């Protein structure tokens, strides 16, 4: 049980804190905008544009399907996941965007599939014994292969 002196001290500390202007108190709390800026950029920066074009939706679904069915590993915040779990995570990020418009597949890659919305750490992908590469690079390569009609790149195979 707290002593009377401890209660008085705690009350004085609260009163002192509450006497500060709101903007000063708010500076002590991590800014949500700074913490979630990549995802918020995706959600709000494109809100004024037209609905997500069907070809963009198809491309994003194809990229996630390719990751899901690949033998590649996906690093997120220092931990490695198989393609299935990685695709599920990116799908949740896409679902979180909800009705927000994604005008280009590249916007999805840059804002959702390249780095963590919480930590800002870059995602990486490793296929087989190849060196890990930045997820943004990996997805852009797969997107280029998808657009050119090459299916081998989509499955995580290399042409080398």
C-alpha atoms as a PDB file:
ATOM      1  CA  UNK A   1       0.000   0.000   0.000  1.00  0.00           C
ATOM      2  CA  UNK A   2       1.279   3.452  -0.885  1.00  0.00           C
ATOM      3  CA  UNK A   3       2.151   5.852   1.851  1.00  0.00           C
ATOM      4  CA  UNK A   4       0.521   9.266   2.020  1.00  0.00           C
ATOM      5  CA  UNK A   5       3.821  10.871   0.908  1.00  0.00           C
ATOM      6  CA  UNK A   6       3.979   8.627  -2.199  1.00  0.00           C
ATOM      7  CA  UNK A   7       0.401   9.538  -3.124  1.00  0.00           C
ATOM      8  CA  UNK A   8       1.125  13.251  -2.800  1.00  0.00           C
ATOM      9  CA  UNK A   9       4.289  12.927  -4.909  1.00  0.00           C
ATOM     10  CA  UNK A  10       2.480  10.947  -7.624  1.00  0.00           C
ATOM     11  CA  UNK A  11      -0.386  13.458  -7.684  1.00  0.00           C
ATOM     12  CA  UNK A  12       2.056  16.369  -7.959  1.00  0.00           C
ATOM     13  CA  UNK A  13       3.815  14.658 -10.886  1.00  0.00           C
ATOM     14  CA  UNK A  14       0.473  14.136 -12.680  1.00  0.00           C
ATOM     15  CA  UNK A  15      -0.558  17.740 -12.090  1.00  0.00           C
ATOM     16  CA  UNK A  16       2.782  18.985 -13.390  1.00  0.00           C
ATOM     17  CA  UNK A  17       2.473  16.774 -16.504  1.00  0.00           C
ATOM     18  CA  UNK A  18      -1.144  17.809 -17.104  1.00  0.00           C
ATOM     19  CA  UNK A  19      -0.231  21.491 -16.837  1.00  0.00           C
ATOM     20  CA  UNK A  20       1.942  21.209 -19.964  1.00  0.00           C
ATOM     21  CA  UNK A  21       0.394  22.340 -23.243  1.00  0.00           C
ATOM     22  CA  UNK A  22      -0.976  19.441 -25.259  1.00  0.00           C
ATOM     23  CA  UNK A  23       1.572  19.780 -28.055  1.00  0.00           C
ATOM     24  CA  UNK A  24       4.428  19.463 -25.527  1.00  0.00           C
ATOM     25  CA  UNK A  25       2.895  16.339 -23.999  1.00  0.00           C
ATOM     26  CA  UNK A  26       2.276  14.902 -27.457  1.00  0.00           C
ATOM     27  CA  UNK A  27       5.960  15.256 -28.355  1.00  0.00           C
ATOM     28  CA  UNK A  28       6.771  12.614 -25.751  1.00  0.00           C
ATOM     29  CA  UNK A  29       4.574  10.027 -27.478  1.00  0.00           C
ATOM     30  CA  UNK A  30       5.962   8.449 -30.670  1.00  0.00           C
ATOM     31  CA  UNK A  31       4.204   9.959 -33.638  1.00  0.00           C
ATOM     32  CA  UNK A  32       1.819   7.545 -35.328  1.00  0.00           C
ATOM     33  CA  UNK A  33       2.471   9.244 -38.629  1.00  0.00           C
ATOM     34  CA  UNK A  34       6.210   8.647 -38.316  1.00  0.00           C
ATOM     35  CA  UNK A  35       5.726   5.091 -37.135  1.00  0.00           C
ATOM     36  CA  UNK A  36       3.283   4.075 -39.842  1.00  0.00           C
ATOM     37  CA  UNK A  37       4.381   6.444 -42.613  1.00  0.00           C
ATOM     38  CA  UNK A  38       5.040   3.871 -45.373  1.00  0.00           C
ATOM     39  CA  UNK A  39       1.613   2.311 -45.012  1.00  0.00           C
ATOM     40  CA  UNK A  40      -0.098   5.671 -44.503  1.00  0.00           C
ATOM     41  CA  UNK A  41       1.565   6.927 -47.661  1.00  0.00           C
ATOM     42  CA  UNK A  42       0.063   4.031 -49.564  1.00  0.00           C
ATOM     43  CA  UNK A  43      -3.323   4.561 -47.970  1.00  0.00           C
ATOM     44  CA  UNK A  44      -3.698   8.311 -48.235  1.00  0.00           C
ATOM     45  CA  UNK A  45      -1.408   9.591 -50.973  1.00  0.00           C
ATOM     46  CA  UNK A  46      -3.399   7.863 -53.673  1.00  0.00           C
ATOM     47  CA  UNK A  47      -6.866   8.425 -52.185  1.00  0.00           C
ATOM     48  CA  UNK A  48      -7.747  11.113 -54.723  1.00  0.00           C
ATOM     49  CA  UNK A  49      -7.047   8.927 -57.756  1.00  0.00           C
ATOM     50  CA  UNK A  50      -9.458   6.596 -59.530  1.00  0.00           C
ATOM     51  CA  UNK A  51     -10.182   3.086 -58.258  1.00  0.00           C
ATOM     52  CA  UNK A  52      -7.402   0.512 -58.409  1.00  0.00           C
ATOM     53  CA  UNK A  53      -7.246  -0.589 -62.037  1.00  0.00           C
ATOM     54  CA  UNK A  54      -8.110  -4.260 -62.629  1.00  0.00           C
ATOM     55  CA  UNK A  55      -4.733  -4.923 -64.277  1.00  0.00           C
ATOM     56  CA  UNK A  56      -2.960  -3.646 -61.134  1.00  0.00           C
ATOM     57  CA  UNK A  57      -5.071  -5.914 -58.941  1.00  0.00           C
ATOM     58  CA  UNK A  58      -4.288  -8.861 -61.221  1.00  0.00           C
ATOM     59  CA  UNK A  59      -0.556  -8.104 -61.170  1.00  0.00           C
ATOM     60  CA  UNK A  60      -0.463  -7.818 -57.375  1.00  0.00           C
ATOM     61  CA  UNK A  61      -2.383 -11.084 -57.013  1.00  0.00           C
ATOM     62  CA  UNK A  62       0.047 -12.749 -59.440  1.00  0.00           C
ATOM     63  CA  UNK A  63       3.074 -11.475 -57.521  1.00  0.00           C
ATOM     64  CA  UNK A  64       1.679 -12.761 -54.222  1.00  0.00           C
ATOM     65  CA  UNK A  65       0.727 -16.067 -55.807  1.00  0.00           C
ATOM     66  CA  UNK A  66       4.239 -16.382 -57.237  1.00  0.00           C
ATOM     67  CA  UNK A  67       5.787 -15.740 -53.833  1.00  0.00           C
ATOM     68  CA  UNK A  68       3.381 -18.179 -52.182  1.00  0.00           C
ATOM     69  CA  UNK A  69       4.267 -21.003 -54.581  1.00  0.00           C
ATOM     70  CA  UNK A  70       8.011 -20.295 -54.759  1.00  0.00           C
ATOM     71  CA  UNK A  71      10.819 -21.998 -52.879  1.00  0.00           C
ATOM     72  CA  UNK A  72      11.975 -18.578 -51.712  1.00  0.00           C
ATOM     73  CA  UNK A  73      12.326 -17.367 -48.137  1.00  0.00           C
ATOM     74  CA  UNK A  74      11.215 -13.906 -47.040  1.00  0.00           C
ATOM     75  CA  UNK A  75      12.961 -11.934 -44.304  1.00  0.00           C
ATOM     76  CA  UNK A  76      10.804  -9.624 -42.256  1.00  0.00           C
ATOM     77  CA  UNK A  77      12.226  -7.781 -39.247  1.00  0.00           C
ATOM     78  CA  UNK A  78      15.119 -10.198 -38.863  1.00  0.00           C
ATOM     79  CA  UNK A  79      13.114 -13.436 -39.143  1.00  0.00           C
ATOM     80  CA  UNK A  80      12.804 -15.686 -42.180  1.00  0.00           C
ATOM     81  CA  UNK A  81       9.444 -16.980 -43.393  1.00  0.00           C
ATOM     82  CA  UNK A  82       8.420 -19.317 -46.190  1.00  0.00           C
ATOM     83  CA  UNK A  83       6.647 -17.936 -49.247  1.00  0.00           C
ATOM     84  CA  UNK A  84       3.216 -18.938 -47.949  1.00  0.00           C
ATOM     85  CA  UNK A  85       3.530 -16.952 -44.720  1.00  0.00           C
ATOM     86  CA  UNK A  86       5.181 -14.025 -46.489  1.00  0.00           C
ATOM     87  CA  UNK A  87       2.388 -13.817 -49.060  1.00  0.00           C
ATOM     88  CA  UNK A  88      -0.211 -14.025 -46.279  1.00  0.00           C
ATOM     89  CA  UNK A  89       1.491 -11.135 -44.468  1.00  0.00           C
ATOM     90  CA  UNK A  90       1.566  -8.974 -47.603  1.00  0.00           C
ATOM     91  CA  UNK A  91      -2.058  -9.887 -48.306  1.00  0.00           C
ATOM     92  CA  UNK A  92      -2.988  -8.633 -44.819  1.00  0.00           C
ATOM     93  CA  UNK A  93      -1.216  -5.357 -45.574  1.00  0.00           C
ATOM     94  CA  UNK A  94      -3.116  -5.126 -48.844  1.00  0.00           C
ATOM     95  CA  UNK A  95      -6.404  -5.932 -47.100  1.00  0.00           C
ATOM     96  CA  UNK A  96      -5.640  -3.268 -44.496  1.00  0.00           C
ATOM     97  CA  UNK A  97      -5.458  -0.744 -47.317  1.00  0.00           C
ATOM     98  CA  UNK A  98      -9.096  -1.683 -47.952  1.00  0.00           C
ATOM     99  CA  UNK A  99     -10.838   0.508 -50.468  1.00  0.00           C
ATOM    100  CA  UNK A 100      -7.830   2.753 -50.928  1.00  0.00           C
ATOM    101  CA  UNK A 101      -6.675   3.025 -54.477  1.00  0.00           C
ATOM    102  CA  UNK A 102      -3.357   1.646 -55.666  1.00  0.00           C
ATOM    103  CA  UNK A 103      -2.799   3.259 -59.065  1.00  0.00           C
ATOM    104  CA  UNK A 104       0.266   1.197 -60.027  1.00  0.00           C
ATOM    105  CA  UNK A 105       1.675  -2.164 -59.022  1.00  0.00           C
ATOM    106  CA  UNK A 106       4.952  -0.372 -58.354  1.00  0.00           C
ATOM    107  CA  UNK A 107       3.192   1.638 -55.627  1.00  0.00           C
ATOM    108  CA  UNK A 108       2.247  -1.590 -53.860  1.00  0.00           C
ATOM    109  CA  UNK A 109       5.822  -2.846 -54.181  1.00  0.00           C
ATOM    110  CA  UNK A 110       7.344   0.397 -52.909  1.00  0.00           C
ATOM    111  CA  UNK A 111       4.936   1.097 -50.071  1.00  0.00           C
ATOM    112  CA  UNK A 112       3.855  -2.321 -48.808  1.00  0.00           C
ATOM    113  CA  UNK A 113       6.065  -5.114 -50.149  1.00  0.00           C
ATOM    114  CA  UNK A 114       9.519  -3.564 -49.654  1.00  0.00           C
ATOM    115  CA  UNK A 115       9.743  -2.741 -45.947  1.00  0.00           C
ATOM    116  CA  UNK A 116       8.056  -3.054 -42.588  1.00  0.00           C
ATOM    117  CA  UNK A 117       5.413  -0.440 -41.836  1.00  0.00           C
ATOM    118  CA  UNK A 118       6.295  -0.690 -38.141  1.00  0.00           C
ATOM    119  CA  UNK A 119      10.089  -0.704 -38.081  1.00  0.00           C
ATOM    120  CA  UNK A 120      10.958   0.634 -41.526  1.00  0.00           C
ATOM    121  CA  UNK A 121      13.392  -2.274 -42.022  1.00  0.00           C
ATOM    122  CA  UNK A 122      13.699  -3.501 -45.592  1.00  0.00           C
ATOM    123  CA  UNK A 123      12.309  -6.915 -46.439  1.00  0.00           C
ATOM    124  CA  UNK A 124      14.601  -9.380 -48.220  1.00  0.00           C
ATOM    125  CA  UNK A 125      14.001 -12.456 -50.358  1.00  0.00           C
ATOM    126  CA  UNK A 126      16.302 -15.442 -50.764  1.00  0.00           C
ATOM    127  CA  UNK A 127      15.659 -18.112 -53.376  1.00  0.00           C
ATOM    128  CA  UNK A 128      17.580 -21.356 -53.024  1.00  0.00           C
ATOM    129  CA  UNK A 129      21.280 -20.791 -52.421  1.00  0.00           C
ATOM    130  CA  UNK A 130      21.288 -17.340 -54.049  1.00  0.00           C
ATOM    131  CA  UNK A 131      22.247 -14.357 -51.923  1.00  0.00           C
ATOM    132  CA  UNK A 132      19.313 -12.500 -50.355  1.00  0.00           C
ATOM    133  CA  UNK A 133      18.085  -9.479 -52.317  1.00  0.00           C
ATOM    134  CA  UNK A 134      15.918  -6.548 -51.341  1.00  0.00           C
ATOM    135  CA  UNK A 135      12.256  -7.514 -51.638  1.00  0.00           C
ATOM    136  CA  UNK A 136      11.530  -4.434 -53.737  1.00  0.00           C
ATOM    137  CA  UNK A 137      14.130  -5.523 -56.278  1.00  0.00           C
ATOM    138  CA  UNK A 138      12.820  -9.102 -56.256  1.00  0.00           C
ATOM    139  CA  UNK A 139       9.207  -8.023 -56.798  1.00  0.00           C
ATOM    140  CA  UNK A 140      10.169  -5.565 -59.558  1.00  0.00           C
ATOM    141  CA  UNK A 141      12.064  -8.340 -61.370  1.00  0.00           C
ATOM    142  CA  UNK A 142       9.027 -10.612 -61.070  1.00  0.00           C
ATOM    143  CA  UNK A 143       6.750  -7.817 -62.275  1.00  0.00           C
ATOM    144  CA  UNK A 144       8.960  -7.234 -65.331  1.00  0.00           C
ATOM    145  CA  UNK A 145       8.914 -10.981 -66.062  1.00  0.00           C
ATOM    146  CA  UNK A 146       5.149 -11.085 -65.593  1.00  0.00           C
ATOM    147  CA  UNK A 147       4.640  -8.195 -67.995  1.00  0.00           C
ATOM    148  CA  UNK A 148       6.954  -9.735 -70.576  1.00  0.00           C
ATOM    149  CA  UNK A 149       5.140 -13.071 -70.318  1.00  0.00           C
ATOM    150  CA  UNK A 150       8.014 -15.096 -68.824  1.00  0.00           C
ATOM    151  CA  UNK A 151       6.663 -17.594 -66.280  1.00  0.00           C
ATOM    152  CA  UNK A 152      10.017 -18.903 -64.991  1.00  0.00           C
ATOM    153  CA  UNK A 153      10.841 -15.648 -63.209  1.00  0.00           C
ATOM    154  CA  UNK A 154       7.461 -15.719 -61.485  1.00  0.00           C
ATOM    155  CA  UNK A 155       8.206 -19.096 -59.897  1.00  0.00           C
ATOM    156  CA  UNK A 156      11.433 -17.851 -58.342  1.00  0.00           C
ATOM    157  CA  UNK A 157      13.671 -19.578 -60.860  1.00  0.00           C
ATOM    158  CA  UNK A 158      16.565 -17.781 -62.429  1.00  0.00           C
ATOM    159  CA  UNK A 159      17.621 -17.719 -66.065  1.00  0.00           C
ATOM    160  CA  UNK A 160      21.318 -17.850 -65.226  1.00  0.00           C
END
